């Protein structure tokens, strides 16, 4: 994103920051995913801080940024830090954007509650 914002990629002969990272060996899909996550993190301060400190797994971060909002940021981050990835994916699949995950998840017993 910094390359896009500063036009650094274009000055270097690339059409965008995504194009630059593709030329460095990252696939187009992975480059787009990185950009999507980076853009989402601009509005998610708890997740952004955890990502910068390396305190949340990339795969979990990719999954939860699609559902988190500034209001649910901390709750989703806590969920991602305490649950296995397959639980995170299932929760993301079953939750609308901005909704807290708690009504459908029982962390004490680590199983799905009846809806």
PDB file of N, CA and C in Angstrom:
ATOM      1  N   UNK A   1       0.823  -1.179   0.000  1.00  0.00           N
ATOM      2  CA  UNK A   1       0.000   0.000   0.000  1.00  0.00           C
ATOM      3  C   UNK A   1       0.868   1.243   0.000  1.00  0.00           C
ATOM      4  N   UNK A   2       1.967   1.196   0.733  1.00  0.00           N
ATOM      5  CA  UNK A   2       2.847   2.358   0.773  1.00  0.00           C
ATOM      6  C   UNK A   2       3.390   2.648  -0.614  1.00  0.00           C
ATOM      7  N   UNK A   3       3.651   1.588  -1.379  1.00  0.00           N
ATOM      8  CA  UNK A   3       4.122   1.789  -2.754  1.00  0.00           C
ATOM      9  C   UNK A   3       3.063   2.483  -3.601  1.00  0.00           C
ATOM     10  N   UNK A   4       1.808   2.094  -3.408  1.00  0.00           N
ATOM     11  CA  UNK A   4       0.727   2.728  -4.161  1.00  0.00           C
ATOM     12  C   UNK A   4       0.534   4.183  -3.745  1.00  0.00           C
ATOM     13  N   UNK A   5       0.544   4.438  -2.434  1.00  0.00           N
ATOM     14  CA  UNK A   5       0.301   5.781  -1.933  1.00  0.00           C
ATOM     15  C   UNK A   5       1.396   6.765  -2.328  1.00  0.00           C
ATOM     16  N   UNK A   6       2.619   6.275  -2.413  1.00  0.00           N
ATOM     17  CA  UNK A   6       3.745   7.156  -2.745  1.00  0.00           C
ATOM     18  C   UNK A   6       4.075   7.151  -4.243  1.00  0.00           C
ATOM     19  N   UNK A   7       3.336   6.358  -5.006  1.00  0.00           N
ATOM     20  CA  UNK A   7       3.630   6.156  -6.427  1.00  0.00           C
ATOM     21  C   UNK A   7       5.018   5.548  -6.639  1.00  0.00           C
ATOM     22  N   UNK A   8       5.564   4.949  -5.581  1.00  0.00           N
ATOM     23  CA  UNK A   8       6.885   4.336  -5.670  1.00  0.00           C
ATOM     24  C   UNK A   8       6.954   3.213  -6.685  1.00  0.00           C
ATOM     25  N   UNK A   9       5.879   2.458  -6.807  1.00  0.00           N
ATOM     26  CA  UNK A   9       5.866   1.364  -7.776  1.00  0.00           C
ATOM     27  C   UNK A   9       5.900   1.908  -9.197  1.00  0.00           C
ATOM     28  N   UNK A  10       5.123   2.961  -9.444  1.00  0.00           N
ATOM     29  CA  UNK A  10       5.071   3.535 -10.795  1.00  0.00           C
ATOM     30  C   UNK A  10       6.406   4.173 -11.165  1.00  0.00           C
ATOM     31  N   UNK A  11       7.039   4.832 -10.210  1.00  0.00           N
ATOM     32  CA  UNK A  11       8.349   5.428 -10.463  1.00  0.00           C
ATOM     33  C   UNK A  11       9.351   4.348 -10.820  1.00  0.00           C
ATOM     34  N   UNK A  12       9.172   3.177 -10.244  1.00  0.00           N
ATOM     35  CA  UNK A  12      10.076   2.054 -10.512  1.00  0.00           C
ATOM     36  C   UNK A  12       9.694   1.267 -11.754  1.00  0.00           C
ATOM     37  N   UNK A  13       8.625   1.688 -12.438  1.00  0.00           N
ATOM     38  CA  UNK A  13       8.230   1.028 -13.669  1.00  0.00           C
ATOM     39  C   UNK A  13       7.129  -0.001 -13.536  1.00  0.00           C
ATOM     40  N   UNK A  14       6.497  -0.065 -12.378  1.00  0.00           N
ATOM     41  CA  UNK A  14       5.403  -1.012 -12.166  1.00  0.00           C
ATOM     42  C   UNK A  14       4.081  -0.263 -12.160  1.00  0.00           C
ATOM     43  N   UNK A  15       3.010  -0.949 -12.531  1.00  0.00           N
ATOM     44  CA  UNK A  15       1.707  -0.282 -12.605  1.00  0.00           C
ATOM     45  C   UNK A  15       1.067  -0.077 -11.235  1.00  0.00           C
ATOM     46  N   UNK A  16       1.493  -0.855 -10.228  1.00  0.00           N
ATOM     47  CA  UNK A  16       0.918  -0.744  -8.883  1.00  0.00           C
ATOM     48  C   UNK A  16       1.808  -1.498  -7.904  1.00  0.00           C
ATOM     49  N   UNK A  17       1.502  -1.336  -6.618  1.00  0.00           N
ATOM     50  CA  UNK A  17       2.215  -2.104  -5.605  1.00  0.00           C
ATOM     51  C   UNK A  17       1.972  -3.594  -5.765  1.00  0.00           C
ATOM     52  N   UNK A  18       0.751  -3.953  -6.156  1.00  0.00           N
ATOM     53  CA  UNK A  18       0.421  -5.363  -6.386  1.00  0.00           C
ATOM     54  C   UNK A  18       1.266  -5.929  -7.522  1.00  0.00           C
ATOM     55  N   UNK A  19       1.403  -5.156  -8.591  1.00  0.00           N
ATOM     56  CA  UNK A  19       2.241  -5.576  -9.720  1.00  0.00           C
ATOM     57  C   UNK A  19       3.685  -5.771  -9.256  1.00  0.00           C
ATOM     58  N   UNK A  20       4.180  -4.864  -8.428  1.00  0.00           N
ATOM     59  CA  UNK A  20       5.546  -4.951  -7.911  1.00  0.00           C
ATOM     60  C   UNK A  20       5.754  -6.257  -7.138  1.00  0.00           C
ATOM     61  N   UNK A  21       4.850  -6.573  -6.202  1.00  0.00           N
ATOM     62  CA  UNK A  21       5.050  -7.789  -5.416  1.00  0.00           C
ATOM     63  C   UNK A  21       4.865  -9.049  -6.257  1.00  0.00           C
ATOM     64  N   UNK A  22       4.056  -8.968  -7.298  1.00  0.00           N
ATOM     65  CA  UNK A  22       3.943 -10.107  -8.215  1.00  0.00           C
ATOM     66  C   UNK A  22       5.283 -10.350  -8.901  1.00  0.00           C
ATOM     67  N   UNK A  23       5.934  -9.277  -9.300  1.00  0.00           N
ATOM     68  CA  UNK A  23       7.218  -9.416  -9.979  1.00  0.00           C
ATOM     69  C   UNK A  23       8.310  -9.907  -9.018  1.00  0.00           C
ATOM     70  N   UNK A  24       8.092  -9.764  -7.736  1.00  0.00           N
ATOM     71  CA  UNK A  24       9.033 -10.260  -6.732  1.00  0.00           C
ATOM     72  C   UNK A  24       8.762 -11.723  -6.383  1.00  0.00           C
ATOM     73  N   UNK A  25       7.732 -12.316  -6.995  1.00  0.00           N
ATOM     74  CA  UNK A  25       7.486 -13.739  -6.817  1.00  0.00           C
ATOM     75  C   UNK A  25       6.190 -14.126  -6.132  1.00  0.00           C
ATOM     76  N   UNK A  26       5.427 -13.168  -5.659  1.00  0.00           N
ATOM     77  CA  UNK A  26       4.148 -13.472  -5.023  1.00  0.00           C
ATOM     78  C   UNK A  26       3.096 -13.615  -6.119  1.00  0.00           C
ATOM     79  N   UNK A  27       2.200 -14.573  -5.984  1.00  0.00           N
ATOM     80  CA  UNK A  27       1.161 -14.750  -7.003  1.00  0.00           C
ATOM     81  C   UNK A  27       0.210 -13.559  -6.987  1.00  0.00           C
ATOM     82  N   UNK A  28      -0.498 -13.359  -8.075  1.00  0.00           N
ATOM     83  CA  UNK A  28      -1.461 -12.268  -8.161  1.00  0.00           C
ATOM     84  C   UNK A  28      -2.549 -12.386  -7.104  1.00  0.00           C
ATOM     85  N   UNK A  29      -3.004 -13.602  -6.852  1.00  0.00           N
ATOM     86  CA  UNK A  29      -4.035 -13.826  -5.842  1.00  0.00           C
ATOM     87  C   UNK A  29      -3.500 -13.471  -4.457  1.00  0.00           C
ATOM     88  N   UNK A  30      -2.279 -13.931  -4.152  1.00  0.00           N
ATOM     89  CA  UNK A  30      -1.686 -13.625  -2.843  1.00  0.00           C
ATOM     90  C   UNK A  30      -1.427 -12.133  -2.687  1.00  0.00           C
ATOM     91  N   UNK A  31      -0.979 -11.482  -3.752  1.00  0.00           N
ATOM     92  CA  UNK A  31      -0.729 -10.039  -3.704  1.00  0.00           C
ATOM     93  C   UNK A  31      -2.034  -9.284  -3.463  1.00  0.00           C
ATOM     94  N   UNK A  32      -3.100  -9.680  -4.134  1.00  0.00           N
ATOM     95  CA  UNK A  32      -4.398  -9.037  -3.933  1.00  0.00           C
ATOM     96  C   UNK A  32      -4.923  -9.275  -2.522  1.00  0.00           C
ATOM     97  N   UNK A  33      -4.697 -10.470  -2.013  1.00  0.00           N
ATOM     98  CA  UNK A  33      -5.131 -10.789  -0.657  1.00  0.00           C
ATOM     99  C   UNK A  33      -4.374  -9.932   0.362  1.00  0.00           C
ATOM    100  N   UNK A  34      -3.086  -9.756   0.164  1.00  0.00           N
ATOM    101  CA  UNK A  34      -2.292  -8.901   1.054  1.00  0.00           C
ATOM    102  C   UNK A  34      -2.824  -7.478   1.038  1.00  0.00           C
ATOM    103  N   UNK A  35      -3.154  -6.990  -0.134  1.00  0.00           N
ATOM    104  CA  UNK A  35      -3.681  -5.629  -0.258  1.00  0.00           C
ATOM    105  C   UNK A  35      -5.043  -5.517   0.425  1.00  0.00           C
ATOM    106  N   UNK A  36      -5.897  -6.510   0.242  1.00  0.00           N
ATOM    107  CA  UNK A  36      -7.227  -6.508   0.874  1.00  0.00           C
ATOM    108  C   UNK A  36      -7.099  -6.468   2.385  1.00  0.00           C
ATOM    109  N   UNK A  37      -6.218  -7.276   2.933  1.00  0.00           N
ATOM    110  CA  UNK A  37      -6.021  -7.310   4.380  1.00  0.00           C
ATOM    111  C   UNK A  37      -5.449  -5.979   4.868  1.00  0.00           C
ATOM    112  N   UNK A  38      -4.468  -5.458   4.153  1.00  0.00           N
ATOM    113  CA  UNK A  38      -3.860  -4.185   4.555  1.00  0.00           C
ATOM    114  C   UNK A  38      -4.886  -3.060   4.561  1.00  0.00           C
ATOM    115  N   UNK A  39      -5.735  -3.015   3.562  1.00  0.00           N
ATOM    116  CA  UNK A  39      -6.781  -1.987   3.520  1.00  0.00           C
ATOM    117  C   UNK A  39      -7.758  -2.146   4.686  1.00  0.00           C
ATOM    118  N   UNK A  40      -8.143  -3.384   4.986  1.00  0.00           N
ATOM    119  CA  UNK A  40      -9.067  -3.626   6.090  1.00  0.00           C
ATOM    120  C   UNK A  40      -8.438  -3.215   7.421  1.00  0.00           C
ATOM    121  N   UNK A  41      -7.150  -3.468   7.578  1.00  0.00           N
ATOM    122  CA  UNK A  41      -6.474  -3.160   8.844  1.00  0.00           C
ATOM    123  C   UNK A  41      -6.411  -1.665   9.134  1.00  0.00           C
ATOM    124  N   UNK A  42      -6.570  -0.841   8.119  1.00  0.00           N
ATOM    125  CA  UNK A  42      -6.570   0.605   8.342  1.00  0.00           C
ATOM    126  C   UNK A  42      -7.666   1.013   9.320  1.00  0.00           C
ATOM    127  N   UNK A  43      -8.792   0.281   9.323  1.00  0.00           N
ATOM    128  CA  UNK A  43      -9.931   0.602  10.191  1.00  0.00           C
ATOM    129  C   UNK A  43     -10.052  -0.318  11.402  1.00  0.00           C
ATOM    130  N   UNK A  44      -9.094  -1.210  11.586  1.00  0.00           N
ATOM    131  CA  UNK A  44      -9.166  -2.197  12.670  1.00  0.00           C
ATOM    132  C   UNK A  44      -7.911  -2.086  13.543  1.00  0.00           C
ATOM    133  N   UNK A  45      -7.906  -1.143  14.476  1.00  0.00           N
ATOM    134  CA  UNK A  45      -6.674  -0.844  15.220  1.00  0.00           C
ATOM    135  C   UNK A  45      -6.129  -1.996  16.062  1.00  0.00           C
ATOM    136  N   UNK A  46      -6.990  -2.779  16.683  1.00  0.00           N
ATOM    137  CA  UNK A  46      -6.498  -3.893  17.502  1.00  0.00           C
ATOM    138  C   UNK A  46      -5.822  -4.952  16.630  1.00  0.00           C
ATOM    139  N   UNK A  47      -6.463  -5.268  15.513  1.00  0.00           N
ATOM    140  CA  UNK A  47      -5.884  -6.260  14.604  1.00  0.00           C
ATOM    141  C   UNK A  47      -4.609  -5.739  13.961  1.00  0.00           C
ATOM    142  N   UNK A  48      -4.608  -4.465  13.599  1.00  0.00           N
ATOM    143  CA  UNK A  48      -3.416  -3.870  12.985  1.00  0.00           C
ATOM    144  C   UNK A  48      -2.233  -3.961  13.949  1.00  0.00           C
ATOM    145  N   UNK A  49      -2.464  -3.613  15.201  1.00  0.00           N
ATOM    146  CA  UNK A  49      -1.397  -3.674  16.201  1.00  0.00           C
ATOM    147  C   UNK A  49      -0.902  -5.110  16.381  1.00  0.00           C
ATOM    148  N   UNK A  50      -1.824  -6.052  16.476  1.00  0.00           N
ATOM    149  CA  UNK A  50      -1.441  -7.463  16.645  1.00  0.00           C
ATOM    150  C   UNK A  50      -0.667  -7.968  15.431  1.00  0.00           C
ATOM    151  N   UNK A  51      -1.093  -7.561  14.244  1.00  0.00           N
ATOM    152  CA  UNK A  51      -0.402  -7.985  13.021  1.00  0.00           C
ATOM    153  C   UNK A  51       1.011  -7.401  12.971  1.00  0.00           C
ATOM    154  N   UNK A  52       1.139  -6.144  13.325  1.00  0.00           N
ATOM    155  CA  UNK A  52       2.462  -5.504  13.312  1.00  0.00           C
ATOM    156  C   UNK A  52       3.409  -6.163  14.307  1.00  0.00           C
ATOM    157  N   UNK A  53       2.879  -6.638  15.431  1.00  0.00           N
ATOM    158  CA  UNK A  53       3.707  -7.287  16.449  1.00  0.00           C
ATOM    159  C   UNK A  53       3.860  -8.796  16.211  1.00  0.00           C
ATOM    160  N   UNK A  54       3.179  -9.328  15.189  1.00  0.00           N
ATOM    161  CA  UNK A  54       3.256 -10.750  14.901  1.00  0.00           C
ATOM    162  C   UNK A  54       2.520 -11.610  15.908  1.00  0.00           C
ATOM    163  N   UNK A  55       1.452 -11.062  16.494  1.00  0.00           N
ATOM    164  CA  UNK A  55       0.715 -11.754  17.557  1.00  0.00           C
ATOM    165  C   UNK A  55      -0.544 -12.464  17.069  1.00  0.00           C
ATOM    166  N   UNK A  56      -0.745 -12.521  15.776  1.00  0.00           N
ATOM    167  CA  UNK A  56      -1.902 -13.234  15.228  1.00  0.00           C
ATOM    168  C   UNK A  56      -1.444 -13.922  13.936  1.00  0.00           C
ATOM    169  N   UNK A  57      -1.893 -15.142  13.752  1.00  0.00           N
ATOM    170  CA  UNK A  57      -1.505 -15.908  12.564  1.00  0.00           C
ATOM    171  C   UNK A  57      -2.080 -15.261  11.300  1.00  0.00           C
ATOM    172  N   UNK A  58      -1.306 -15.242  10.241  1.00  0.00           N
ATOM    173  CA  UNK A  58      -1.736 -14.638   8.983  1.00  0.00           C
ATOM    174  C   UNK A  58      -3.034 -15.271   8.493  1.00  0.00           C
ATOM    175  N   UNK A  59      -3.128 -16.581   8.515  1.00  0.00           N
ATOM    176  CA  UNK A  59      -4.330 -17.257   8.015  1.00  0.00           C
ATOM    177  C   UNK A  59      -5.563 -16.829   8.804  1.00  0.00           C
ATOM    178  N   UNK A  60      -5.428 -16.679  10.110  1.00  0.00           N
ATOM    179  CA  UNK A  60      -6.548 -16.221  10.933  1.00  0.00           C
ATOM    180  C   UNK A  60      -6.912 -14.782  10.605  1.00  0.00           C
ATOM    181  N   UNK A  61      -5.901 -13.948  10.425  1.00  0.00           N
ATOM    182  CA  UNK A  61      -6.121 -12.543  10.100  1.00  0.00           C
ATOM    183  C   UNK A  61      -6.858 -12.405   8.777  1.00  0.00           C
ATOM    184  N   UNK A  62      -6.425 -13.149   7.774  1.00  0.00           N
ATOM    185  CA  UNK A  62      -7.080 -13.109   6.467  1.00  0.00           C
ATOM    186  C   UNK A  62      -8.562 -13.444   6.609  1.00  0.00           C
ATOM    187  N   UNK A  63      -8.874 -14.428   7.418  1.00  0.00           N
ATOM    188  CA  UNK A  63     -10.263 -14.853   7.593  1.00  0.00           C
ATOM    189  C   UNK A  63     -11.099 -13.808   8.325  1.00  0.00           C
ATOM    190  N   UNK A  64     -10.595 -13.261   9.426  1.00  0.00           N
ATOM    191  CA  UNK A  64     -11.437 -12.426  10.277  1.00  0.00           C
ATOM    192  C   UNK A  64     -11.600 -10.987   9.804  1.00  0.00           C
ATOM    193  N   UNK A  65     -10.664 -10.475   9.000  1.00  0.00           N
ATOM    194  CA  UNK A  65     -10.827  -9.077   8.568  1.00  0.00           C
ATOM    195  C   UNK A  65     -12.052  -8.876   7.688  1.00  0.00           C
ATOM    196  N   UNK A  66     -12.529  -9.942   7.075  1.00  0.00           N
ATOM    197  CA  UNK A  66     -13.709  -9.806   6.219  1.00  0.00           C
ATOM    198  C   UNK A  66     -14.994  -9.620   7.024  1.00  0.00           C
ATOM    199  N   UNK A  67     -14.965  -9.947   8.310  1.00  0.00           N
ATOM    200  CA  UNK A  67     -16.164  -9.839   9.153  1.00  0.00           C
ATOM    201  C   UNK A  67     -16.058  -8.748  10.213  1.00  0.00           C
ATOM    202  N   UNK A  68     -14.851  -8.419  10.608  1.00  0.00           N
ATOM    203  CA  UNK A  68     -14.658  -7.460  11.698  1.00  0.00           C
ATOM    204  C   UNK A  68     -14.961  -6.029  11.256  1.00  0.00           C
ATOM    205  N   UNK A  69     -15.418  -5.245  12.205  1.00  0.00           N
ATOM    206  CA  UNK A  69     -15.614  -3.808  12.029  1.00  0.00           C
ATOM    207  C   UNK A  69     -14.860  -3.134  13.170  1.00  0.00           C
ATOM    208  N   UNK A  70     -14.723  -1.813  13.135  1.00  0.00           N
ATOM    209  CA  UNK A  70     -14.063  -1.159  14.273  1.00  0.00           C
ATOM    210  C   UNK A  70     -14.731  -1.479  15.613  1.00  0.00           C
ATOM    211  N   UNK A  71     -16.026  -1.729  15.608  1.00  0.00           N
ATOM    212  CA  UNK A  71     -16.748  -2.052  16.840  1.00  0.00           C
ATOM    213  C   UNK A  71     -16.497  -3.488  17.313  1.00  0.00           C
ATOM    214  N   UNK A  72     -16.224  -4.410  16.407  1.00  0.00           N
ATOM    215  CA  UNK A  72     -16.034  -5.824  16.775  1.00  0.00           C
ATOM    216  C   UNK A  72     -14.591  -6.284  16.648  1.00  0.00           C
ATOM    217  N   UNK A  73     -13.718  -5.375  16.318  1.00  0.00           N
ATOM    218  CA  UNK A  73     -12.294  -5.643  16.090  1.00  0.00           C
ATOM    219  C   UNK A  73     -11.647  -6.439  17.228  1.00  0.00           C
ATOM    220  N   UNK A  74     -11.763  -5.964  18.450  1.00  0.00           N
ATOM    221  CA  UNK A  74     -11.109  -6.613  19.587  1.00  0.00           C
ATOM    222  C   UNK A  74     -11.682  -8.001  19.852  1.00  0.00           C
ATOM    223  N   UNK A  75     -12.996  -8.160  19.709  1.00  0.00           N
ATOM    224  CA  UNK A  75     -13.619  -9.461  19.960  1.00  0.00           C
ATOM    225  C   UNK A  75     -13.167 -10.496  18.935  1.00  0.00           C
ATOM    226  N   UNK A  76     -13.134 -10.107  17.662  1.00  0.00           N
ATOM    227  CA  UNK A  76     -12.673 -11.034  16.622  1.00  0.00           C
ATOM    228  C   UNK A  76     -11.205 -11.403  16.835  1.00  0.00           C
ATOM    229  N   UNK A  77     -10.401 -10.434  17.236  1.00  0.00           N
ATOM    230  CA  UNK A  77      -8.989 -10.710  17.477  1.00  0.00           C
ATOM    231  C   UNK A  77      -8.821 -11.699  18.621  1.00  0.00           C
ATOM    232  N   UNK A  78      -9.550 -11.506  19.696  1.00  0.00           N
ATOM    233  CA  UNK A  78      -9.489 -12.433  20.829  1.00  0.00           C
ATOM    234  C   UNK A  78      -9.899 -13.833  20.398  1.00  0.00           C
ATOM    235  N   UNK A  79     -10.950 -13.910  19.605  1.00  0.00           N
ATOM    236  CA  UNK A  79     -11.413 -15.194  19.081  1.00  0.00           C
ATOM    237  C   UNK A  79     -10.313 -15.861  18.244  1.00  0.00           C
ATOM    238  N   UNK A  80      -9.677 -15.082  17.369  1.00  0.00           N
ATOM    239  CA  UNK A  80      -8.637 -15.633  16.498  1.00  0.00           C
ATOM    240  C   UNK A  80      -7.418 -16.109  17.284  1.00  0.00           C
ATOM    241  N   UNK A  81      -7.136 -15.463  18.378  1.00  0.00           N
ATOM    242  CA  UNK A  81      -5.979 -15.845  19.192  1.00  0.00           C
ATOM    243  C   UNK A  81      -6.234 -17.100  20.022  1.00  0.00           C
ATOM    244  N   UNK A  82      -7.482 -17.416  20.302  1.00  0.00           N
ATOM    245  CA  UNK A  82      -7.784 -18.513  21.224  1.00  0.00           C
ATOM    246  C   UNK A  82      -8.385 -19.751  20.564  1.00  0.00           C
ATOM    247  N   UNK A  83      -8.697 -19.676  19.292  1.00  0.00           N
ATOM    248  CA  UNK A  83      -9.360 -20.812  18.640  1.00  0.00           C
ATOM    249  C   UNK A  83      -8.529 -21.371  17.496  1.00  0.00           C
ATOM    250  N   UNK A  84      -8.759 -22.619  17.201  1.00  0.00           N
ATOM    251  CA  UNK A  84      -8.106 -23.275  16.074  1.00  0.00           C
ATOM    252  C   UNK A  84      -8.623 -22.700  14.761  1.00  0.00           C
ATOM    253  N   UNK A  85      -7.791 -22.752  13.743  1.00  0.00           N
ATOM    254  CA  UNK A  85      -8.129 -22.155  12.454  1.00  0.00           C
ATOM    255  C   UNK A  85      -9.433 -22.707  11.880  1.00  0.00           C
ATOM    256  N   UNK A  86      -9.673 -24.005  11.993  1.00  0.00           N
ATOM    257  CA  UNK A  86     -10.912 -24.549  11.416  1.00  0.00           C
ATOM    258  C   UNK A  86     -12.150 -23.991  12.121  1.00  0.00           C
ATOM    259  N   UNK A  87     -12.038 -23.661  13.411  1.00  0.00           N
ATOM    260  CA  UNK A  87     -13.149 -23.010  14.117  1.00  0.00           C
ATOM    261  C   UNK A  87     -13.342 -21.578  13.620  1.00  0.00           C
ATOM    262  N   UNK A  88     -12.234 -20.907  13.389  1.00  0.00           N
ATOM    263  CA  UNK A  88     -12.294 -19.529  12.879  1.00  0.00           C
ATOM    264  C   UNK A  88     -12.968 -19.503  11.518  1.00  0.00           C
ATOM    265  N   UNK A  89     -12.560 -20.395  10.629  1.00  0.00           N
ATOM    266  CA  UNK A  89     -13.163 -20.434   9.287  1.00  0.00           C
ATOM    267  C   UNK A  89     -14.656 -20.705   9.367  1.00  0.00           C
ATOM    268  N   UNK A  90     -15.049 -21.624  10.218  1.00  0.00           N
ATOM    269  CA  UNK A  90     -16.472 -21.943  10.355  1.00  0.00           C
ATOM    270  C   UNK A  90     -17.236 -20.732  10.885  1.00  0.00           C
ATOM    271  N   UNK A  91     -16.669 -20.051  11.872  1.00  0.00           N
ATOM    272  CA  UNK A  91     -17.332 -18.881  12.438  1.00  0.00           C
ATOM    273  C   UNK A  91     -17.460 -17.761  11.396  1.00  0.00           C
ATOM    274  N   UNK A  92     -16.414 -17.546  10.634  1.00  0.00           N
ATOM    275  CA  UNK A  92     -16.458 -16.520   9.587  1.00  0.00           C
ATOM    276  C   UNK A  92     -17.542 -16.854   8.573  1.00  0.00           C
ATOM    277  N   UNK A  93     -17.638 -18.111   8.206  1.00  0.00           N
ATOM    278  CA  UNK A  93     -18.660 -18.546   7.246  1.00  0.00           C
ATOM    279  C   UNK A  93     -20.071 -18.312   7.766  1.00  0.00           C
ATOM    280  N   UNK A  94     -20.256 -18.407   9.079  1.00  0.00           N
ATOM    281  CA  UNK A  94     -21.587 -18.345   9.671  1.00  0.00           C
ATOM    282  C   UNK A  94     -21.927 -17.007  10.334  1.00  0.00           C
ATOM    283  N   UNK A  95     -21.133 -15.993  10.112  1.00  0.00           N
ATOM    284  CA  UNK A  95     -21.355 -14.700  10.742  1.00  0.00           C
ATOM    285  C   UNK A  95     -21.423 -13.606   9.682  1.00  0.00           C
ATOM    286  N   UNK A  96     -22.416 -12.729   9.828  1.00  0.00           N
ATOM    287  CA  UNK A  96     -22.497 -11.575   8.930  1.00  0.00           C
ATOM    288  C   UNK A  96     -21.496 -10.530   9.365  1.00  0.00           C
ATOM    289  N   UNK A  97     -21.023  -9.732   8.421  1.00  0.00           N
ATOM    290  CA  UNK A  97     -20.052  -8.677   8.713  1.00  0.00           C
ATOM    291  C   UNK A  97     -20.586  -7.766   9.813  1.00  0.00           C
ATOM    292  N   UNK A  98     -19.700  -7.479  10.769  1.00  0.00           N
ATOM    293  CA  UNK A  98     -20.045  -6.582  11.854  1.00  0.00           C
ATOM    294  C   UNK A  98     -20.719  -7.242  13.034  1.00  0.00           C
ATOM    295  N   UNK A  99     -21.168  -8.471  12.869  1.00  0.00           N
ATOM    296  CA  UNK A  99     -21.842  -9.172  13.970  1.00  0.00           C
ATOM    297  C   UNK A  99     -20.794  -9.796  14.880  1.00  0.00           C
ATOM    298  N   UNK A 100     -21.066  -9.766  16.145  1.00  0.00           N
ATOM    299  CA  UNK A 100     -20.203 -10.422  17.114  1.00  0.00           C
ATOM    300  C   UNK A 100     -20.398 -11.928  16.970  1.00  0.00           C
ATOM    301  N   UNK A 101     -19.347 -12.666  17.169  1.00  0.00           N
ATOM    302  CA  UNK A 101     -19.410 -14.117  17.013  1.00  0.00           C
ATOM    303  C   UNK A 101     -19.983 -14.836  18.232  1.00  0.00           C
ATOM    304  N   UNK A 102     -20.065 -14.189  19.359  1.00  0.00           N
ATOM    305  CA  UNK A 102     -20.451 -14.852  20.604  1.00  0.00           C
ATOM    306  C   UNK A 102     -21.791 -15.589  20.594  1.00  0.00           C
ATOM    307  N   UNK A 103     -22.854 -15.071  19.988  1.00  0.00           N
ATOM    308  CA  UNK A 103     -24.128 -15.778  20.100  1.00  0.00           C
ATOM    309  C   UNK A 103     -24.106 -17.205  19.551  1.00  0.00           C
ATOM    310  N   UNK A 104     -23.205 -17.501  18.648  1.00  0.00           N
ATOM    311  CA  UNK A 104     -23.205 -18.824  18.035  1.00  0.00           C
ATOM    312  C   UNK A 104     -22.056 -19.697  18.513  1.00  0.00           C
ATOM    313  N   UNK A 105     -21.209 -19.198  19.371  1.00  0.00           N
ATOM    314  CA  UNK A 105     -20.012 -19.931  19.756  1.00  0.00           C
ATOM    315  C   UNK A 105     -19.900 -20.028  21.262  1.00  0.00           C
ATOM    316  N   UNK A 106     -19.553 -21.182  21.749  1.00  0.00           N
ATOM    317  CA  UNK A 106     -19.365 -21.363  23.185  1.00  0.00           C
ATOM    318  C   UNK A 106     -17.900 -21.704  23.440  1.00  0.00           C
ATOM    319  N   UNK A 107     -17.050 -20.696  23.708  1.00  0.00           N
ATOM    320  CA  UNK A 107     -15.629 -20.969  23.873  1.00  0.00           C
ATOM    321  C   UNK A 107     -15.313 -21.855  25.069  1.00  0.00           C
ATOM    322  N   UNK A 108     -16.161 -21.856  26.078  1.00  0.00           N
ATOM    323  CA  UNK A 108     -15.888 -22.669  27.260  1.00  0.00           C
ATOM    324  C   UNK A 108     -15.857 -24.158  26.923  1.00  0.00           C
ATOM    325  N   UNK A 109     -16.715 -24.566  26.026  1.00  0.00           N
ATOM    326  CA  UNK A 109     -16.764 -25.988  25.672  1.00  0.00           C
ATOM    327  C   UNK A 109     -16.223 -26.240  24.274  1.00  0.00           C
ATOM    328  N   UNK A 110     -15.810 -25.177  23.597  1.00  0.00           N
ATOM    329  CA  UNK A 110     -15.225 -25.269  22.252  1.00  0.00           C
ATOM    330  C   UNK A 110     -16.104 -26.068  21.282  1.00  0.00           C
ATOM    331  N   UNK A 111     -17.367 -25.762  21.278  1.00  0.00           N
ATOM    332  CA  UNK A 111     -18.256 -26.407  20.332  1.00  0.00           C
ATOM    333  C   UNK A 111     -19.325 -25.430  19.894  1.00  0.00           C
ATOM    334  N   UNK A 112     -19.997 -25.778  18.824  1.00  0.00           N
ATOM    335  CA  UNK A 112     -21.047 -24.917  18.290  1.00  0.00           C
ATOM    336  C   UNK A 112     -22.295 -25.019  19.129  1.00  0.00           C
ATOM    337  N   UNK A 113     -22.852 -23.878  19.417  1.00  0.00           N
ATOM    338  CA  UNK A 113     -24.144 -23.833  20.122  1.00  0.00           C
ATOM    339  C   UNK A 113     -25.255 -23.887  19.100  1.00  0.00           C
ATOM    340  N   UNK A 114     -26.391 -24.388  19.485  1.00  0.00           N
ATOM    341  CA  UNK A 114     -27.535 -24.454  18.574  1.00  0.00           C
ATOM    342  C   UNK A 114     -27.994 -23.039  18.245  1.00  0.00           C
ATOM    343  N   UNK A 115     -28.305 -22.823  16.995  1.00  0.00           N
ATOM    344  CA  UNK A 115     -28.744 -21.496  16.545  1.00  0.00           C
ATOM    345  C   UNK A 115     -30.211 -21.313  16.811  1.00  0.00           C
TER     346      UNK A 115
END
